[in-house]
Amino acid sequence: MLQIYRTDTSVDQDNMPPENRSPYQILAEGVAFIRRHLSIMVMAYSATLFIALLYLITAVPTFTANVRLVINSKAAPGDAASVSTIADSQIAIIRSEGVARVVIQKLGLAGDPEFAKQGFAQRMKRSVSRLLGWSKPETEYSLMRYATDSFARNLSAKRVGSTYIIEIAYDSADPERAVKILNAVAETYIVGQMDAKYKSALQNERWVKDRTIELSSQVSAAKKALADKRNAIADPADDAGRPSQSMASMQGELRELEATAEAAARSYDNFLRVQRYMEATQQQPSPTFEAYQLTDVSRPLTASTPKVGIALGISTVAGLLLGIAIGMLRDLSDRAAAPEGRSGGRAVVPMGKASASKSQFDGSSELEKHREYKEPSLGS
């Protein structure tokens, strides 16, 4: 029996360096890869698409209401850093717990199920505590804490460009509730700023008034003491029996009272002068804080989340990448399990199967790449 010994001197296409491959070969390999693993890629895409559709069906839609406020519109021009500081400070006030508490109490949101939601970790902690018998009944403070935390998560505020405009947004499952809450936030913030300005002015006015009365009283008391001492010294009835040392002491006291009266009068005059200067300064245009609502609260017509386009786009990309990854893993697994004779060297093919082996090559040019020789088999 004759056997054919072939030595494969052709170059393995799989091991060919990428720089030696033509674009046509790379494209052909990509098409072949897709044909081999098309079913896997379709299954992976179907799985991710199903997950995305399940998310879109089960996710609770969220509606976002928006409003814009103008703050400090009459402030004197300043550098960008000072303006940014003012805007950041007002944003912090809008998102403060004080504003949240006022809105929650005003609208009665502490007992609302939407605001009583807790985080996953908090829910797990309470569940374990309930199983162990450590749970305590909810108090008014705890309900308010849950409500303020939920309120802070749904409220956002940002500065519009480099302006004095702040855009406030609130997310809620109910569009009407989002509008109502955002109206309450804007109203609470504006009223709070007006109250703070009024209280500051009232406090300053009260202090000025009290200080004026105090200084005036000191001046009056000093003048009265000085007048009494002068009258006592000038009384002729007491001069006859008064020793010279007593007169000298009274003269010293008189000089001290005169100095005290002059100091009190000088302090009072200086205070009045400063007060008149401050009043004149306040009559001139000065940086004053003002805030007002630029636009009405916009009622959302469509849900802001979940976003259908983004969810489907992510599922499509994830499905294709997953299918490609699985296909590459399968190719690597098949290549590792393939016989070593595929990589080159000598292959022993029986003579009777030479015609079958010939049909596996593309034309006679492939046969010319192999050296064939016949040897008698050991059994002949």
Protein backbone atom coordinates (compact mmCIF):
# COMPACT_ATOMS: atom_id res chain seq x y z
CA MET A 1 0.00 0.00 0.00
CA LEU A 2 1.29 3.37 -0.98
CA GLN A 3 1.03 6.46 1.22
CA ILE A 4 1.54 10.08 0.32
CA TYR A 5 3.79 12.26 2.50
CA ARG A 6 3.13 15.96 2.07
CA THR A 7 5.08 18.82 3.50
CA ASP A 8 2.84 21.99 3.76
CA THR A 9 4.95 25.04 2.96
CA SER A 10 1.99 27.43 2.60
CA VAL A 11 1.52 30.33 5.00
CA ASP A 12 -1.21 29.94 7.64
CA GLN A 13 -3.73 32.74 7.08
CA ASP A 14 -4.74 32.77 10.75
CA ASN A 15 -1.16 33.39 11.86
CA MET A 16 -0.35 35.96 9.20
CA PRO A 17 0.64 39.35 10.71
CA PRO A 18 -2.11 41.99 10.38
CA GLU A 19 0.16 44.34 8.42
CA ASN A 20 0.56 41.70 5.71
CA ARG A 21 -3.19 41.33 5.17
CA SER A 22 -5.03 43.35 2.58
CA PRO A 23 -8.23 45.23 3.43
CA TYR A 24 -10.14 42.72 1.32
CA GLN A 25 -8.84 39.85 3.42
CA ILE A 26 -9.74 41.64 6.64
CA LEU A 27 -13.25 42.37 5.33
CA ALA A 28 -13.64 38.78 4.19
CA GLU A 29 -12.59 37.51 7.61
CA GLY A 30 -15.11 39.85 9.28
CA VAL A 31 -17.92 38.66 7.03
CA ALA A 32 -16.95 35.05 7.66
CA PHE A 33 -16.93 35.70 11.42
CA ILE A 34 -20.44 37.16 11.25
CA ARG A 35 -21.69 34.23 9.18
CA ARG A 36 -20.25 31.72 11.64
CA HIS A 37 -21.70 33.41 14.74
CA LEU A 38 -24.78 35.16 13.40
CA SER A 39 -27.12 33.02 15.48
CA ILE A 40 -25.17 33.76 18.67
CA MET A 41 -25.18 37.50 17.97
CA VAL A 42 -28.92 37.48 17.32
CA MET A 43 -29.56 35.60 20.55
CA ALA A 44 -27.38 38.01 22.56
CA TYR A 45 -29.11 41.03 21.03
CA SER A 46 -32.52 39.49 21.73
CA ALA A 47 -31.57 38.93 25.36
CA THR A 48 -30.38 42.52 25.91
CA LEU A 49 -33.39 43.89 24.05
CA PHE A 50 -35.70 41.86 26.27
CA ILE A 51 -33.98 43.25 29.37
CA ALA A 52 -34.33 46.81 28.04
CA LEU A 53 -38.02 46.33 27.25
CA LEU A 54 -38.60 44.82 30.69
CA TYR A 55 -36.93 47.86 32.26
CA LEU A 56 -39.04 50.27 30.22
CA ILE A 57 -42.22 48.43 31.22
CA THR A 58 -41.48 48.17 34.94
CA ALA A 59 -39.70 51.52 35.51
CA VAL A 60 -41.79 54.25 37.12
CA PRO A 61 -41.90 57.31 34.81
CA THR A 62 -40.49 60.52 36.26
CA PHE A 63 -41.63 64.00 35.26
CA THR A 64 -39.40 67.06 35.64
CA ALA A 65 -40.76 70.58 36.22
CA ASN A 66 -38.50 73.60 35.66
CA VAL A 67 -38.47 77.25 36.72
CA ARG A 68 -35.92 80.06 36.44
CA LEU A 69 -35.13 82.70 39.05
CA VAL A 70 -33.14 85.92 38.75
CA ILE A 71 -31.00 86.71 41.78
CA ASN A 72 -29.10 89.87 42.73
CA SER A 73 -30.06 91.59 39.47
CA LYS A 74 -29.21 95.07 40.79
CA ALA A 75 -25.84 94.19 42.24
CA ALA A 76 -22.83 96.25 41.28
CA PRO A 77 -20.69 94.73 38.52
CA GLY A 78 -17.96 92.51 39.88
CA ASP A 79 -15.43 89.98 38.73
CA ALA A 80 -16.38 86.50 37.64
CA ALA A 81 -15.24 84.96 40.91
CA SER A 82 -17.48 87.15 43.07
CA VAL A 83 -20.48 86.61 40.80
CA SER A 84 -19.90 82.85 40.88
CA THR A 85 -19.67 82.97 44.67
CA ILE A 86 -23.00 84.81 44.89
CA ALA A 87 -24.69 82.31 42.56
CA ASP A 88 -23.27 79.29 44.40
CA SER A 89 -24.40 80.73 47.73
CA GLN A 90 -27.96 81.19 46.51
CA ILE A 91 -28.01 77.68 45.03
CA ALA A 92 -26.95 76.33 48.42
CA ILE A 93 -29.80 78.30 50.07
CA ILE A 94 -32.34 76.93 47.57
CA ARG A 95 -31.22 73.36 48.24
CA SER A 96 -30.92 73.88 52.00
CA GLU A 97 -32.79 71.83 54.55
CA GLY A 98 -34.55 74.94 55.82
CA VAL A 99 -36.32 75.52 52.50
CA ALA A 100 -37.13 71.80 52.24
CA ARG A 101 -38.71 71.74 55.71
CA VAL A 102 -40.86 74.79 54.99
CA VAL A 103 -42.14 73.29 51.71
CA ILE A 104 -42.78 69.86 53.25
CA GLN A 105 -44.72 71.35 56.15
CA LYS A 106 -46.63 73.72 53.87
CA LEU A 107 -47.76 70.95 51.49
CA GLY A 108 -48.01 68.17 54.10
CA LEU A 109 -45.55 65.86 52.37
CA ALA A 110 -44.06 64.17 55.44
CA GLY A 111 -46.59 61.34 55.41
CA ASP A 112 -46.73 60.97 51.62
CA PRO A 113 -45.61 57.52 50.38
CA GLU A 114 -43.39 59.11 47.70
CA PHE A 115 -41.44 60.97 50.38
CA ALA A 116 -41.40 58.13 52.91
CA LYS A 117 -39.25 55.95 50.65
CA GLN A 118 -35.91 54.89 52.10
CA GLY A 119 -32.72 53.73 50.48
CA PHE A 120 -31.95 50.05 49.95
CA ALA A 121 -29.42 49.93 52.80
CA GLN A 122 -31.83 51.66 55.17
CA ARG A 123 -34.66 49.29 54.24
CA MET A 124 -32.45 46.25 54.82
CA LYS A 125 -31.36 47.65 58.18
CA ARG A 126 -34.94 48.22 59.27
CA SER A 127 -35.96 44.74 58.08
CA VAL A 128 -33.22 43.10 60.12
CA SER A 129 -34.10 45.23 63.14
CA ARG A 130 -37.76 44.25 62.79
CA LEU A 131 -36.87 40.56 62.65
CA LEU A 132 -34.70 40.87 65.75
CA GLY A 133 -37.29 42.91 67.58
CA TRP A 134 -35.14 46.05 67.71
CA SER A 135 -37.34 48.25 65.54
CA LYS A 136 -38.90 51.35 67.02
CA PRO A 137 -42.06 53.12 65.91
CA GLU A 138 -41.66 55.96 63.46
CA THR A 139 -41.49 59.39 65.04
CA GLU A 140 -42.31 62.78 63.58
CA TYR A 141 -38.61 63.56 63.39
CA SER A 142 -37.78 60.37 61.47
CA LEU A 143 -40.62 60.97 59.01
CA MET A 144 -39.36 64.51 58.44
CA ARG A 145 -35.83 63.18 57.91
CA TYR A 146 -36.99 60.68 55.28
CA ALA A 147 -39.01 63.40 53.56
CA THR A 148 -36.14 65.90 53.48
CA ASP A 149 -33.73 63.27 52.13
CA SER A 150 -36.15 62.34 49.35
CA PHE A 151 -36.80 66.02 48.67
CA ALA A 152 -33.06 66.73 48.34
CA ARG A 153 -32.58 63.83 45.90
CA ASN A 154 -35.32 65.10 43.58
CA LEU A 155 -34.47 68.83 43.73
CA SER A 156 -31.68 70.27 41.61
CA ALA A 157 -30.47 73.81 40.91
CA LYS A 158 -27.81 75.15 38.56
CA ARG A 159 -26.58 78.44 37.24
CA VAL A 160 -27.41 79.31 33.63
CA GLY A 161 -24.14 80.23 31.95
CA SER A 162 -22.42 83.27 33.44
CA THR A 163 -25.64 85.07 34.37
CA TYR A 164 -27.54 85.76 37.57
CA ILE A 165 -30.20 83.25 36.46
CA ILE A 166 -30.66 80.01 38.39
CA GLU A 167 -32.67 77.12 36.93
CA ILE A 168 -34.45 74.90 39.45
CA ALA A 169 -35.85 71.47 38.58
CA TYR A 170 -37.85 68.93 40.53
CA ASP A 171 -38.52 65.28 39.64
CA SER A 172 -41.73 63.52 40.64
CA ALA A 173 -43.88 60.63 39.50
CA ASP A 174 -46.82 63.05 39.27
CA PRO A 175 -46.38 66.07 36.93
CA GLU A 176 -48.93 68.15 38.84
CA ARG A 177 -47.14 67.50 42.11
CA ALA A 178 -43.81 68.48 40.55
CA VAL A 179 -45.29 71.83 39.50
CA LYS A 180 -46.87 72.42 42.92
CA ILE A 181 -43.66 71.62 44.79
CA LEU A 182 -41.52 73.78 42.52
CA ASN A 183 -43.90 76.72 42.92
CA ALA A 184 -43.64 76.32 46.68
CA VAL A 185 -39.83 76.18 46.50
CA ALA A 186 -39.61 79.39 44.46
CA GLU A 187 -42.09 81.19 46.71
CA THR A 188 -40.36 80.04 49.90
CA TYR A 189 -36.96 81.14 48.62
CA ILE A 190 -38.11 84.62 47.49
CA VAL A 191 -40.13 85.27 50.65
CA GLY A 192 -37.26 84.03 52.79
CA GLN A 193 -34.82 86.42 51.14
CA MET A 194 -37.24 89.33 51.55
CA ASP A 195 -37.78 88.48 55.21
CA ALA A 196 -34.05 88.23 55.82
CA LYS A 197 -33.49 91.62 54.21
CA TYR A 198 -36.33 93.20 56.18
CA LYS A 199 -35.20 91.69 59.47
CA SER A 200 -31.65 92.84 58.86
CA ALA A 201 -32.79 96.39 58.14
CA LEU A 202 -35.14 96.35 61.13
CA GLN A 203 -32.41 95.05 63.40
CA ASN A 204 -30.01 97.75 62.22
CA GLU A 205 -32.63 100.43 62.71
CA ARG A 206 -33.44 99.20 66.21
CA TRP A 207 -29.77 99.14 67.15
CA VAL A 208 -29.24 102.66 65.81
CA LYS A 209 -32.24 103.89 67.75
CA ASP A 210 -31.16 102.22 71.00
CA ARG A 211 -27.63 103.49 70.60
CA THR A 212 -28.84 107.03 69.97
CA ILE A 213 -31.00 106.96 73.10
CA GLU A 214 -28.13 105.56 75.15
CA LEU A 215 -25.64 108.22 74.03
CA SER A 216 -28.19 110.98 74.47
CA SER A 217 -28.88 109.79 78.01
CA GLN A 218 -25.18 109.76 78.78
CA VAL A 219 -24.80 113.33 77.50
CA SER A 220 -27.81 114.51 79.53
CA ALA A 221 -26.55 112.82 82.69
CA ALA A 222 -23.06 114.29 82.27
CA LYS A 223 -24.45 117.78 81.68
CA LYS A 224 -26.76 117.53 84.70
CA ALA A 225 -23.91 116.37 86.96
CA LEU A 226 -21.75 119.21 85.72
CA ALA A 227 -24.49 121.79 86.30
CA ASP A 228 -25.15 120.50 89.82
CA LYS A 229 -21.47 120.69 90.71
CA ARG A 230 -21.19 124.23 89.38
CA ASN A 231 -24.22 125.29 91.38
CA ALA A 232 -22.76 123.74 94.51
CA ILE A 233 -19.47 125.61 94.06
CA ALA A 234 -21.14 128.90 93.25
CA ASP A 235 -23.49 128.83 96.31
CA PRO A 236 -22.32 131.75 98.61
CA ALA A 237 -23.95 130.19 101.69
CA ASP A 238 -21.52 127.31 101.70
CA ASP A 239 -18.38 129.29 100.92
CA ALA A 240 -18.01 130.79 104.45
CA GLY A 241 -17.45 127.54 106.32
CA ARG A 242 -15.77 125.60 103.51
CA PRO A 243 -12.06 124.96 103.92
CA SER A 244 -9.64 125.66 101.09
CA GLN A 245 -8.81 121.97 100.66
CA SER A 246 -12.47 121.13 100.11
CA MET A 247 -12.71 123.87 97.49
CA ALA A 248 -9.70 122.46 95.66
CA SER A 249 -11.26 118.97 95.70
CA MET A 250 -14.50 120.30 94.32
CA GLN A 251 -12.64 122.15 91.59
CA GLY A 252 -10.95 118.87 90.61
CA GLU A 253 -14.28 117.09 90.50
CA LEU A 254 -15.67 119.90 88.39
CA ARG A 255 -12.91 119.48 85.84
CA GLU A 256 -13.51 115.71 85.68
CA LEU A 257 -17.22 116.26 85.12
CA GLU A 258 -16.46 118.77 82.38
CA ALA A 259 -14.19 116.26 80.66
CA THR A 260 -16.82 113.54 80.99
CA ALA A 261 -19.51 115.79 79.58
CA GLU A 262 -17.31 116.80 76.65
CA ALA A 263 -16.44 113.16 75.86
CA ALA A 264 -20.10 112.12 75.97
CA ALA A 265 -21.11 115.04 73.76
CA ARG A 266 -18.29 114.24 71.31
CA SER A 267 -19.30 110.56 71.08
CA TYR A 268 -22.89 111.53 70.52
CA ASP A 269 -21.98 114.00 67.77
CA ASN A 270 -19.71 111.48 66.04
CA PHE A 271 -22.44 108.86 66.11
CA LEU A 272 -24.96 111.29 64.61
CA ARG A 273 -22.44 112.24 61.93
CA VAL A 274 -21.88 108.60 60.99
CA GLN A 275 -25.62 107.98 60.97
CA ARG A 276 -26.23 110.89 58.60
CA TYR A 277 -23.46 109.59 56.34
CA MET A 278 -24.98 106.12 56.25
CA GLU A 279 -28.41 107.56 55.45
CA ALA A 280 -26.95 109.58 52.60
CA THR A 281 -25.14 106.51 51.30
CA GLN A 282 -28.31 104.41 51.39
CA GLN A 283 -30.12 106.98 49.26
CA GLN A 284 -27.59 106.40 46.46
CA PRO A 285 -27.72 103.31 44.20
CA SER A 286 -26.05 100.51 46.12
CA PRO A 287 -25.69 96.76 45.74
CA THR A 288 -29.01 95.39 46.99
CA PHE A 289 -30.20 91.83 46.77
CA GLU A 290 -33.33 91.15 44.77
CA ALA A 291 -34.76 87.86 43.58
CA TYR A 292 -37.80 87.24 41.46
CA GLN A 293 -39.28 84.51 39.31
CA LEU A 294 -38.29 84.93 35.67
CA THR A 295 -40.65 82.32 34.19
CA ASP A 296 -43.63 80.34 35.37
CA VAL A 297 -43.14 76.74 36.33
CA SER A 298 -43.28 74.64 33.17
CA ARG A 299 -45.57 71.63 33.44
CA PRO A 300 -43.88 68.54 31.96
CA LEU A 301 -45.83 66.90 29.14
CA THR A 302 -43.65 63.82 28.74
CA ALA A 303 -41.65 61.74 31.18
CA SER A 304 -38.00 62.67 31.56
CA THR A 305 -37.08 59.13 32.59
CA PRO A 306 -36.83 56.41 31.52
CA LYS A 307 -35.49 57.51 28.12
CA VAL A 308 -36.65 55.00 25.51
CA GLY A 309 -34.07 55.89 22.88
CA ILE A 310 -31.12 55.67 25.24
CA ALA A 311 -32.31 52.37 26.73
CA LEU A 312 -32.79 50.76 23.32
CA GLY A 313 -29.49 52.14 22.05
CA ILE A 314 -27.57 50.78 25.02
CA SER A 315 -29.27 47.39 24.67
CA THR A 316 -28.38 47.24 20.97
CA VAL A 317 -24.71 48.06 21.53
CA ALA A 318 -24.50 45.74 24.53
CA GLY A 319 -26.11 42.88 22.61
CA LEU A 320 -23.75 43.23 19.64
CA LEU A 321 -20.67 43.45 21.86
CA LEU A 322 -21.83 40.44 23.86
CA GLY A 323 -22.41 38.41 20.70
CA ILE A 324 -18.98 39.36 19.31
CA ALA A 325 -17.30 38.45 22.60
CA ILE A 326 -19.00 35.06 22.73
CA GLY A 327 -18.06 34.41 19.08
CA MET A 328 -14.41 35.26 19.73
CA LEU A 329 -14.36 32.96 22.74
CA ARG A 330 -15.77 30.14 20.62
CA ASP A 331 -13.14 30.71 17.93
CA LEU A 332 -10.37 30.63 20.51
CA SER A 333 -11.78 27.45 22.00
CA ASP A 334 -12.04 25.74 18.58
CA ARG A 335 -8.53 26.82 17.64
CA ALA A 336 -7.11 25.42 20.87
CA ALA A 337 -8.86 22.09 20.27
CA ALA A 338 -7.79 21.83 16.57
CA PRO A 339 -5.11 19.16 15.56
CA GLU A 340 -1.52 20.32 15.33
CA GLY A 341 -1.21 19.18 11.69
CA ARG A 342 -3.23 22.28 10.68
CA SER A 343 -0.35 24.56 11.60
CA GLY A 344 2.12 23.11 9.05
CA GLY A 345 4.67 20.32 8.90
CA ARG A 346 4.03 16.85 7.50
CA ALA A 347 0.66 15.15 7.20
CA VAL A 348 0.27 11.49 6.31
CA VAL A 349 -2.63 10.88 3.95
CA PRO A 350 -3.51 7.37 2.66
CA MET A 351 -3.21 6.88 -1.08
CA GLY A 352 -6.78 5.79 -1.33
CA LYS A 353 -7.93 9.14 -0.02
CA ALA A 354 -5.69 11.24 -2.26
CA SER A 355 -8.58 12.13 -4.54
CA ALA A 356 -10.67 13.30 -1.56
CA SER A 357 -7.78 15.41 -0.32
CA LYS A 358 -7.35 16.91 -3.76
CA SER A 359 -10.94 18.10 -3.82
CA GLN A 360 -10.29 20.16 -0.67
CA PHE A 361 -7.87 22.44 -2.51
CA ASP A 362 -8.81 25.18 -4.88
CA GLY A 363 -7.45 23.98 -8.26
CA SER A 364 -4.21 22.31 -9.24
CA SER A 365 -2.16 25.32 -8.16
CA GLU A 366 -2.61 24.25 -4.51
CA LEU A 367 -1.25 20.78 -5.30
CA GLU A 368 1.87 22.30 -6.80
CA LYS A 369 2.70 23.81 -3.40
CA HIS A 370 3.28 20.32 -1.98
CA ARG A 371 5.99 17.83 -2.76
CA GLU A 372 4.60 14.37 -3.30
CA TYR A 373 6.55 11.16 -3.39
CA LYS A 374 5.51 7.56 -3.13
CA GLU A 375 7.15 4.91 -0.99
CA PRO A 376 6.23 1.31 -0.59
CA SER A 377 4.51 0.72 2.68
CA LEU A 378 6.05 -1.59 5.22
CA GLY A 379 3.25 -4.08 4.80
CA SER A 380 3.69 -4.51 0.97
